Amino acid sequence: MEIFEKSLEHLYLVFTATVFSVIVGVLLGIIAYRVKHLDKIILWLTDTLQTIPSLALLAFLMIFFGLGDLTLIIGLVLYSLLPITRNTYTGLKDVSPFLKDAAKGMGMSKMQRLLLVELPLSFPLIFVGIKIALVTSFSIAVLGVLIGAGGLGSIIYSGIQIQDVSMILKGAIPVTLMAIVFDIFMTFIEKRMIKKAKN
């Protein structure tokens, strides 16, 4: 029963962080695409965040936000920004200029072109970034136990403390299975979107 509850808690933390990551990451990608000279700054910042060791980042955030789930969620959001922001920016940049000109010729405003043409065409690449962020978050969320957050990390950490391999596996196996299942599921969706785009 505890495994089930901790698994649900782990899923909640990862999905909550992913939702905010998508909102912030896509927005930053759009800003980088739209605002001249900001692209290098935004991409550099997200790159820099990714280079910080996850435990060090969580420890730093703990100073400002204290112990608990909030700190972990913020850490997961920051760690997930790079793939989503970069893929949004790259996807928008890669939209064919002919399609952009055609939309402009139809009288669409910049916002209409973005929402109705550019974002839909770049979504398969954005989705890849979301998949990477989600799958990566499952493993990073395990470290949340060290800052007082919930999830399966508490079971793994308890097993390490008492040197109980079976307890460690009880926490590690569900995390691994969730990451694999979501990776397979999202890869399937990704392939369907790419196939649909080609047709």
Protein backbone atom coordinates (compact mmCIF):
# COMPACT_ATOMS: atom_id res chain seq x y z
CA MET A 1 0.00 0.00 0.00
CA GLU A 2 2.82 2.37 0.83
CA ILE A 3 4.44 1.71 -2.57
CA PHE A 4 1.18 2.61 -4.32
CA GLU A 5 0.74 5.83 -2.33
CA LYS A 6 4.36 6.88 -2.86
CA SER A 7 4.06 6.10 -6.58
CA LEU A 8 1.01 8.34 -6.88
CA GLU A 9 2.83 11.03 -4.94
CA HIS A 10 5.82 10.69 -7.27
CA LEU A 11 3.55 10.98 -10.32
CA TYR A 12 1.86 14.05 -8.85
CA LEU A 13 5.18 15.83 -8.26
CA VAL A 14 6.51 15.01 -11.72
CA PHE A 15 3.32 15.93 -13.57
CA THR A 16 2.84 19.17 -11.63
CA ALA A 17 6.41 20.20 -12.43
CA THR A 18 5.97 19.19 -16.08
CA VAL A 19 2.84 21.33 -16.49
CA PHE A 20 4.64 24.41 -15.23
CA SER A 21 7.75 23.50 -17.26
CA VAL A 22 5.69 23.38 -20.44
CA ILE A 23 4.06 26.74 -19.75
CA VAL A 24 7.31 28.51 -18.86
CA GLY A 25 9.48 26.65 -21.40
CA VAL A 26 7.19 27.25 -24.38
CA LEU A 27 6.78 30.91 -23.39
CA LEU A 28 10.54 31.37 -23.15
CA GLY A 29 10.98 29.64 -26.50
CA ILE A 30 8.46 31.98 -28.12
CA ILE A 31 10.15 35.04 -26.59
CA ALA A 32 13.55 33.82 -27.80
CA TYR A 33 12.07 33.36 -31.28
CA ARG A 34 10.24 36.66 -31.38
CA VAL A 35 12.52 39.11 -29.55
CA LYS A 36 15.79 39.84 -31.30
CA HIS A 37 18.99 39.38 -29.24
CA LEU A 38 17.13 37.68 -26.38
CA ASP A 39 17.48 34.22 -27.90
CA LYS A 40 21.14 33.85 -26.96
CA ILE A 41 20.50 35.06 -23.38
CA ILE A 42 17.50 32.76 -22.82
CA LEU A 43 19.21 29.70 -24.30
CA TRP A 44 22.37 30.42 -22.34
CA LEU A 45 20.40 30.66 -19.08
CA THR A 46 18.58 27.38 -19.68
CA ASP A 47 21.87 25.73 -20.68
CA THR A 48 23.50 27.00 -17.48
CA LEU A 49 20.68 25.66 -15.30
CA GLN A 50 21.12 22.24 -16.88
CA THR A 51 24.83 22.16 -15.99
CA ILE A 52 24.21 22.67 -12.25
CA PRO A 53 24.20 19.32 -10.39
CA SER A 54 20.62 18.48 -9.43
CA LEU A 55 21.36 18.02 -5.74
CA ALA A 56 23.24 21.32 -5.58
CA LEU A 57 20.34 23.12 -7.27
CA LEU A 58 17.82 21.63 -4.83
CA ALA A 59 20.03 22.57 -1.87
CA PHE A 60 20.28 26.14 -3.16
CA LEU A 61 16.51 26.40 -3.68
CA MET A 62 15.92 25.00 -0.19
CA ILE A 63 17.53 28.15 1.26
CA PHE A 64 14.76 30.28 -0.26
CA PHE A 65 11.76 27.94 -0.30
CA GLY A 66 12.49 25.64 2.64
CA LEU A 67 11.95 21.90 2.87
CA GLY A 68 9.15 20.12 1.04
CA ASP A 69 7.42 19.46 -2.26
CA LEU A 70 7.43 23.08 -3.46
CA THR A 71 11.23 23.20 -3.58
CA LEU A 72 11.38 19.93 -5.51
CA ILE A 73 8.76 21.09 -8.02
CA ILE A 74 10.62 24.37 -8.62
CA GLY A 75 13.86 22.42 -9.09
CA LEU A 76 12.23 20.05 -11.57
CA VAL A 77 10.77 22.99 -13.50
CA LEU A 78 14.17 24.69 -13.78
CA TYR A 79 15.83 21.45 -14.85
CA SER A 80 13.19 20.82 -17.51
CA LEU A 81 13.39 24.22 -19.19
CA LEU A 82 16.29 23.47 -21.53
CA PRO A 83 14.73 20.75 -23.76
CA ILE A 84 11.34 22.47 -23.91
CA THR A 85 12.65 26.00 -24.50
CA ARG A 86 15.28 24.94 -27.04
CA ASN A 87 12.89 22.69 -28.97
CA THR A 88 10.21 25.39 -29.04
CA TYR A 89 12.72 27.93 -30.34
CA THR A 90 14.18 25.51 -32.90
CA GLY A 91 10.75 24.32 -34.02
CA LEU A 92 9.51 27.86 -34.63
CA LYS A 93 12.71 28.81 -36.46
CA ASP A 94 12.43 25.76 -38.71
CA VAL A 95 8.92 26.52 -39.96
CA SER A 96 9.14 27.06 -43.71
CA PRO A 97 9.40 30.76 -44.69
CA PHE A 98 7.00 30.03 -47.56
CA LEU A 99 4.30 28.96 -45.10
CA LYS A 100 4.93 32.05 -42.97
CA ASP A 101 4.66 34.28 -46.05
CA ALA A 102 1.50 32.48 -47.16
CA ALA A 103 -0.10 33.08 -43.76
CA LYS A 104 0.99 36.71 -43.88
CA GLY A 105 -0.45 37.03 -47.38
CA MET A 106 -3.79 35.76 -46.06
CA GLY A 107 -3.89 38.78 -43.74
CA MET A 108 -3.02 36.99 -40.51
CA SER A 109 -1.56 39.06 -37.70
CA LYS A 110 1.69 38.03 -35.98
CA MET A 111 -0.26 36.45 -33.13
CA GLN A 112 -2.56 34.57 -35.51
CA ARG A 113 0.41 33.25 -37.48
CA LEU A 114 2.05 32.13 -34.26
CA LEU A 115 -1.01 30.37 -32.84
CA LEU A 116 -2.54 28.98 -36.03
CA VAL A 117 0.49 28.19 -38.18
CA GLU A 118 3.89 28.29 -36.48
CA LEU A 119 3.14 26.58 -33.14
CA PRO A 120 1.06 23.74 -34.65
CA LEU A 121 3.80 23.01 -37.21
CA SER A 122 6.54 23.07 -34.59
CA PHE A 123 4.58 21.06 -32.00
CA PRO A 124 6.11 17.63 -32.87
CA LEU A 125 9.55 18.99 -31.95
CA ILE A 126 8.17 20.74 -28.86
CA PHE A 127 6.60 17.43 -27.84
CA VAL A 128 10.02 15.74 -28.00
CA GLY A 129 11.31 18.35 -25.55
CA ILE A 130 8.38 17.68 -23.23
CA LYS A 131 9.06 13.94 -23.39
CA ILE A 132 12.71 14.43 -22.45
CA ALA A 133 11.77 16.73 -19.57
CA LEU A 134 9.11 14.36 -18.23
CA VAL A 135 11.21 11.19 -18.36
CA THR A 136 14.22 12.95 -16.80
CA SER A 137 12.08 14.33 -13.99
CA PHE A 138 11.18 10.84 -12.77
CA SER A 139 14.78 10.14 -11.77
CA ILE A 140 15.59 13.62 -10.45
CA ALA A 141 12.45 13.58 -8.26
CA VAL A 142 13.98 10.71 -6.28
CA LEU A 143 16.42 13.23 -4.78
CA GLY A 144 13.48 15.10 -3.28
CA VAL A 145 13.72 12.97 -0.15
CA LEU A 146 16.91 14.84 0.77
CA ILE A 147 15.00 18.12 0.97
CA GLY A 148 11.92 16.75 2.72
CA ALA A 149 9.79 16.11 -0.38
CA GLY A 150 7.62 13.06 -0.96
CA GLY A 151 7.67 10.36 -3.59
CA LEU A 152 9.47 7.08 -4.03
CA GLY A 153 12.80 8.57 -3.00
CA SER A 154 11.87 8.08 0.65
CA ILE A 155 11.61 4.31 0.19
CA ILE A 156 14.93 4.14 -1.67
CA TYR A 157 16.65 6.30 0.93
CA SER A 158 15.26 4.23 3.82
CA GLY A 159 16.55 1.09 2.13
CA ILE A 160 19.99 2.61 1.74
CA GLN A 161 20.10 3.63 5.40
CA ILE A 162 19.36 0.13 6.66
CA GLN A 163 21.21 -1.54 3.75
CA ASP A 164 18.07 -3.38 2.64
CA VAL A 165 18.37 -4.19 -1.07
CA SER A 166 14.76 -5.37 -1.35
CA MET A 167 13.49 -2.04 0.00
CA ILE A 168 15.73 -0.12 -2.39
CA LEU A 169 14.30 -2.14 -5.28
CA LYS A 170 10.74 -1.49 -4.08
CA GLY A 171 11.36 2.20 -4.70
CA ALA A 172 13.71 1.98 -7.68
CA ILE A 173 11.68 -0.45 -9.79
CA PRO A 174 8.45 1.65 -9.88
CA VAL A 175 10.46 4.79 -10.79
CA THR A 176 12.22 2.94 -13.60
CA LEU A 177 9.00 1.38 -14.89
CA MET A 178 7.17 4.71 -14.90
CA ALA A 179 9.98 6.38 -16.82
CA ILE A 180 10.10 3.54 -19.38
CA VAL A 181 6.32 3.36 -19.82
CA PHE A 182 5.94 7.10 -20.37
CA ASP A 183 8.93 7.15 -22.71
CA ILE A 184 7.42 4.38 -24.85
CA PHE A 185 3.96 5.95 -24.79
CA MET A 186 5.19 9.43 -25.72
CA THR A 187 7.52 8.06 -28.39
CA PHE A 188 4.50 6.31 -29.94
CA ILE A 189 2.56 9.60 -29.96
CA GLU A 190 5.61 11.40 -31.36
CA LYS A 191 5.87 8.97 -34.28
CA ARG A 192 2.16 9.31 -34.99
CA MET A 193 2.47 13.10 -35.11
CA ILE A 194 5.48 12.97 -37.42
CA LYS A 195 3.70 10.50 -39.70
CA LYS A 196 0.60 12.70 -39.74
CA ALA A 197 2.68 15.80 -40.53
CA LYS A 198 4.29 14.04 -43.52
CA ASN A 199 0.90 13.03 -44.87
